[in-house]
Protein backbone atom coordinates (compact mmCIF):
# COMPACT_ATOMS: atom_id res chain seq x y z
CA MET A 1 98.54 98.50 116.89
CA ILE A 2 100.47 101.06 114.82
CA HIS A 3 104.09 100.08 114.11
CA VAL A 4 106.55 102.98 113.94
CA LEU A 5 110.14 103.31 112.72
CA VAL A 6 112.09 106.32 114.05
CA ALA A 7 114.89 107.74 111.86
CA ASP A 8 117.10 110.52 113.27
CA ASP A 9 120.88 110.85 113.44
CA GLN A 10 120.78 112.30 116.96
CA GLU A 11 120.58 109.52 119.52
CA LEU A 12 118.98 111.64 122.24
CA VAL A 13 116.32 112.90 119.87
CA ARG A 14 115.51 109.35 118.77
CA ALA A 15 115.33 108.22 122.39
CA GLY A 16 112.89 111.02 123.19
CA PHE A 17 110.58 110.10 120.32
CA VAL A 18 110.74 106.42 121.21
CA MET A 19 109.87 107.15 124.85
CA ILE A 20 106.85 109.25 123.89
CA LEU A 21 105.52 106.76 121.36
CA ALA A 22 106.16 103.67 123.49
CA ALA A 23 104.01 105.16 126.27
CA GLN A 24 100.92 104.87 124.06
CA SER A 25 98.88 101.66 124.17
CA ASP A 26 98.17 101.71 120.43
CA LEU A 27 101.72 102.53 119.24
CA THR A 28 104.85 100.40 119.19
CA VAL A 29 108.34 101.32 117.97
CA VAL A 30 109.69 98.49 115.84
CA GLY A 31 113.07 100.02 115.02
CA GLU A 32 115.46 102.97 115.11
CA ALA A 33 117.69 104.29 112.31
CA ALA A 34 120.63 106.69 112.56
CA ASP A 35 120.72 107.61 108.86
CA GLY A 36 118.67 107.35 105.70
CA ALA A 37 120.32 104.19 104.42
CA GLU A 38 119.51 102.35 107.64
CA ALA A 39 115.95 103.73 107.54
CA ILE A 40 115.43 102.28 104.06
CA ARG A 41 116.82 98.90 105.09
CA LEU A 42 114.71 98.70 108.24
CA ALA A 43 111.57 99.84 106.44
CA ARG A 44 112.01 96.97 104.01
CA GLU A 45 112.73 94.44 106.75
CA LEU A 46 110.28 95.51 109.46
CA GLY A 47 107.31 96.76 107.46
CA PRO A 48 106.33 99.70 109.72
CA ASP A 49 103.06 101.55 109.26
CA VAL A 50 104.67 104.95 109.83
CA VAL A 51 108.27 106.20 109.54
CA LEU A 52 109.28 109.33 111.47
CA MET A 53 111.96 110.75 109.17
CA ASP A 54 114.52 113.43 109.97
CA VAL A 55 115.57 115.50 106.95
CA ARG A 56 119.27 116.15 107.47
CA MET A 57 121.11 112.89 108.07
CA PRO A 58 124.48 111.49 106.95
CA THR A 59 125.04 108.89 104.19
CA VAL A 60 121.53 109.15 102.76
CA ASP A 61 119.40 112.16 103.67
CA GLY A 62 115.75 112.06 104.64
CA ILE A 63 114.48 113.15 101.24
CA GLU A 64 116.18 110.35 99.35
CA ALA A 65 115.17 107.86 102.04
CA THR A 66 111.56 109.07 101.89
CA ALA A 67 111.42 108.56 98.13
CA ALA A 68 112.84 105.04 98.42
CA ILE A 69 110.53 104.01 101.26
CA CYS A 70 107.42 105.38 99.55
CA ARG A 71 108.42 103.69 96.31
CA GLU A 72 109.32 100.30 97.76
CA THR A 73 107.06 99.84 100.81
CA SER A 74 103.55 100.66 102.02
CA ALA A 75 104.83 102.71 104.98
CA LYS A 76 103.66 106.30 105.42
CA VAL A 77 106.46 108.82 106.02
CA LEU A 78 106.11 111.70 108.48
CA VAL A 79 108.97 114.17 108.07
CA LEU A 80 110.57 115.80 111.12
CA THR A 81 112.38 119.11 110.78
CA THR A 82 113.62 122.12 112.70
CA PHE A 83 112.64 124.38 109.80
CA ASP A 84 109.10 125.43 108.96
CA LEU A 85 108.32 125.00 105.25
CA ASP A 86 111.94 124.96 104.10
CA GLU A 87 112.88 123.50 100.73
CA TYR A 88 113.91 120.20 102.32
CA VAL A 89 110.48 119.61 103.81
CA TYR A 90 108.76 120.53 100.57
CA ALA A 91 111.04 118.23 98.60
CA ALA A 92 110.16 115.42 101.02
CA LEU A 93 106.46 115.98 100.39
CA ARG A 94 107.11 115.76 96.67
CA ALA A 95 109.05 112.55 97.34
CA GLY A 96 105.91 110.99 98.81
CA ALA A 97 105.82 111.99 102.48
CA SER A 98 102.38 112.21 104.05
CA GLY A 99 103.20 115.35 106.02
CA PHE A 100 105.67 117.07 108.27
CA LEU A 101 106.18 118.08 111.89
CA LEU A 102 108.43 120.61 113.57
CA LYS A 103 110.74 119.21 116.22
CA ASP A 104 109.49 121.72 118.78
CA MET A 105 106.02 120.14 118.71
CA ARG A 106 104.29 118.99 121.90
CA ARG A 107 104.02 115.33 122.87
CA HIS A 108 100.33 115.00 122.08
CA GLU A 109 100.91 116.55 118.66
CA LEU A 110 103.47 113.89 117.79
CA VAL A 111 101.22 111.07 118.93
CA GLU A 112 98.17 112.43 117.12
CA ALA A 113 100.19 113.01 113.96
CA VAL A 114 101.33 109.39 113.87
CA ARG A 115 97.76 108.19 114.33
CA LEU A 116 96.43 110.50 111.62
CA VAL A 117 99.04 109.50 109.07
CA ALA A 118 98.61 105.80 109.86
CA GLY A 119 94.90 106.25 109.22
CA GLY A 120 95.45 107.72 105.77
CA GLU A 121 95.28 111.41 106.67
CA ALA A 122 97.93 113.91 105.63
CA LEU A 123 99.27 116.81 107.66
CA LEU A 124 98.88 119.56 105.10
CA ALA A 125 98.14 123.12 106.16
CA PRO A 126 96.82 125.42 103.40
CA THR A 127 100.24 127.13 103.21
CA VAL A 128 101.82 123.81 102.29
CA THR A 129 99.01 123.04 99.87
CA ARG A 130 99.59 126.37 98.11
CA ARG A 131 103.28 125.53 97.63
CA LEU A 132 102.33 122.15 96.25
CA ILE A 133 99.92 123.82 93.84
CA ALA A 134 102.50 126.42 92.82
CA ASP A 135 104.92 123.63 91.93
CA VAL A 136 102.30 121.85 89.81
CA VAL A 137 101.48 125.10 87.99
CA ALA A 138 105.16 125.92 87.47
CA ARG A 139 105.82 122.53 85.91
CA SER A 140 102.79 122.54 83.61
CA GLY A 141 102.43 126.28 83.00
CA PRO A 142 99.33 128.19 84.15
CA SER A 143 97.94 128.44 80.61
CA SER A 144 98.79 124.89 79.56
CA PRO A 145 95.91 122.45 79.04
CA LYS A 146 95.37 120.20 82.05
CA ARG A 147 95.94 116.48 81.69
CA ALA A 148 92.55 114.78 81.90
CA ASP A 149 92.68 111.72 84.12
CA ALA A 150 90.35 108.88 83.16
CA ARG A 151 90.39 107.63 86.75
CA LEU A 152 88.25 110.58 87.83
CA ALA A 153 85.35 109.11 85.86
CA THR A 154 85.23 106.23 88.33
CA LEU A 155 84.23 108.57 91.17
CA THR A 156 80.66 109.24 92.18
CA ALA A 157 79.39 112.83 92.21
CA ARG A 158 79.76 113.02 95.98
CA GLU A 159 83.27 111.52 95.87
CA THR A 160 84.25 114.07 93.21
CA GLU A 161 83.01 116.90 95.41
CA THR A 162 84.84 115.44 98.40
CA LEU A 163 88.05 115.33 96.35
CA ARG A 164 87.58 119.00 95.47
CA GLN A 165 87.32 119.88 99.15
CA VAL A 166 90.38 117.76 100.02
CA ALA A 167 92.34 119.60 97.33
CA ARG A 168 91.21 122.94 98.78
CA GLY A 169 92.98 121.96 102.01
CA LEU A 170 89.98 121.15 104.19
CA SER A 171 90.07 118.60 107.01
CA ASN A 172 87.50 115.81 107.27
CA ALA A 173 85.55 117.79 109.87
CA GLU A 174 85.50 120.89 107.66
CA ILE A 175 84.42 118.85 104.63
CA ALA A 176 81.62 117.29 106.67
CA ALA A 177 80.33 120.75 107.59
CA GLU A 178 80.68 121.95 103.98
CA LEU A 179 78.77 119.00 102.50
CA TYR A 180 76.28 118.54 105.38
CA VAL A 181 77.29 114.95 106.07
CA THR A 182 78.92 113.16 109.00
CA GLU A 183 82.67 113.01 109.45
CA HIS A 184 82.45 109.22 109.19
CA THR A 185 80.85 109.60 105.76
CA VAL A 186 83.67 111.87 104.66
CA LYS A 187 86.26 109.33 105.82
CA THR A 188 84.44 106.65 103.83
CA HIS A 189 84.46 108.86 100.72
CA VAL A 190 88.15 109.70 101.09
CA SER A 191 89.05 106.04 101.52
CA SER A 192 87.06 105.15 98.41
CA ILE A 193 88.67 107.98 96.44
CA LEU A 194 92.20 106.87 97.31
CA SER A 195 91.35 103.26 96.47
CA LYS A 196 89.70 104.03 93.12
CA LEU A 197 92.44 106.41 92.04
CA GLY A 198 95.28 104.21 93.29
CA LEU A 199 96.70 106.94 95.54
CA ARG A 200 98.65 106.65 98.80
CA ASP A 201 97.15 109.60 100.63
CA ARG A 202 95.81 113.15 100.45
CA VAL A 203 99.07 114.62 99.20
CA GLN A 204 98.81 112.63 95.98
CA ALA A 205 95.09 113.41 95.79
CA VAL A 206 95.80 117.15 95.94
CA VAL A 207 98.37 116.91 93.16
CA LEU A 208 96.05 114.89 90.91
CA ALA A 209 93.13 117.25 91.50
CA TYR A 210 95.15 120.25 90.33
CA GLU A 211 97.04 118.51 87.54
CA SER A 212 93.77 117.27 86.06
CA GLY A 213 92.07 120.66 86.35
CA LEU A 214 89.42 119.40 88.78
CA VAL A 215 90.40 122.28 91.10
CA LEU A 216 91.96 125.61 90.20
CA PRO A 217 94.95 127.16 92.06
CA GLY A 218 92.80 129.96 93.48
CA ASP A 219 90.45 127.53 95.18
CA VAL A 220 92.67 126.73 98.17
CA ALA A 221 90.91 127.34 101.49
CA PRO A 222 92.21 130.12 103.78
CA ARG A 223 91.73 128.22 107.04
CA ALA A 224 94.59 126.38 108.73
CA HIS A 225 94.23 122.83 110.00
CA SER A 226 96.29 119.80 110.85
């Protein structure tokens, strides 16, 4: 059972999300929050697996709440927004969110997104990955030496290659096709990578891969995926 906390300042919107999620046999809504401060408090108290987080909320906004929840709990945050790739969404990803969804999504997309994030996936299209990479490059400088990360030495050759493909923006299915292995094998590799490197999800894996120089900015894949 996947436990979900819904945070949105609009009561009708929250009610709609709750209704959709509660209809699924493997999902249960453990709480609702009307602002970021309440979301942080409930995340600490209820220990949800996934938090659906609106960006623009009173008292404490979704970005600040996302950072606090990712820092203080094991919950995965899925950001909800009415704006595609705006600076608020990107800031939330940098704060530790595992992905984002537009509020005009379809029901099945919401349900599948919650399941994916709960399972350790991240909703990162290549366009989002490119912005993440651009930020890393801007902070370090394109000609600056990359920071070697000793943790990478703990990976096997196949895990290292899998990490490269993750950082390029490929889904598990695409990586499986690229490496001629099963999707289950890819999932096993990704899980091992996150565990060995002490990372929460693919977002952090992408950042580390580029910051360490394992993958270059031009390597991002052109295909879109979710």
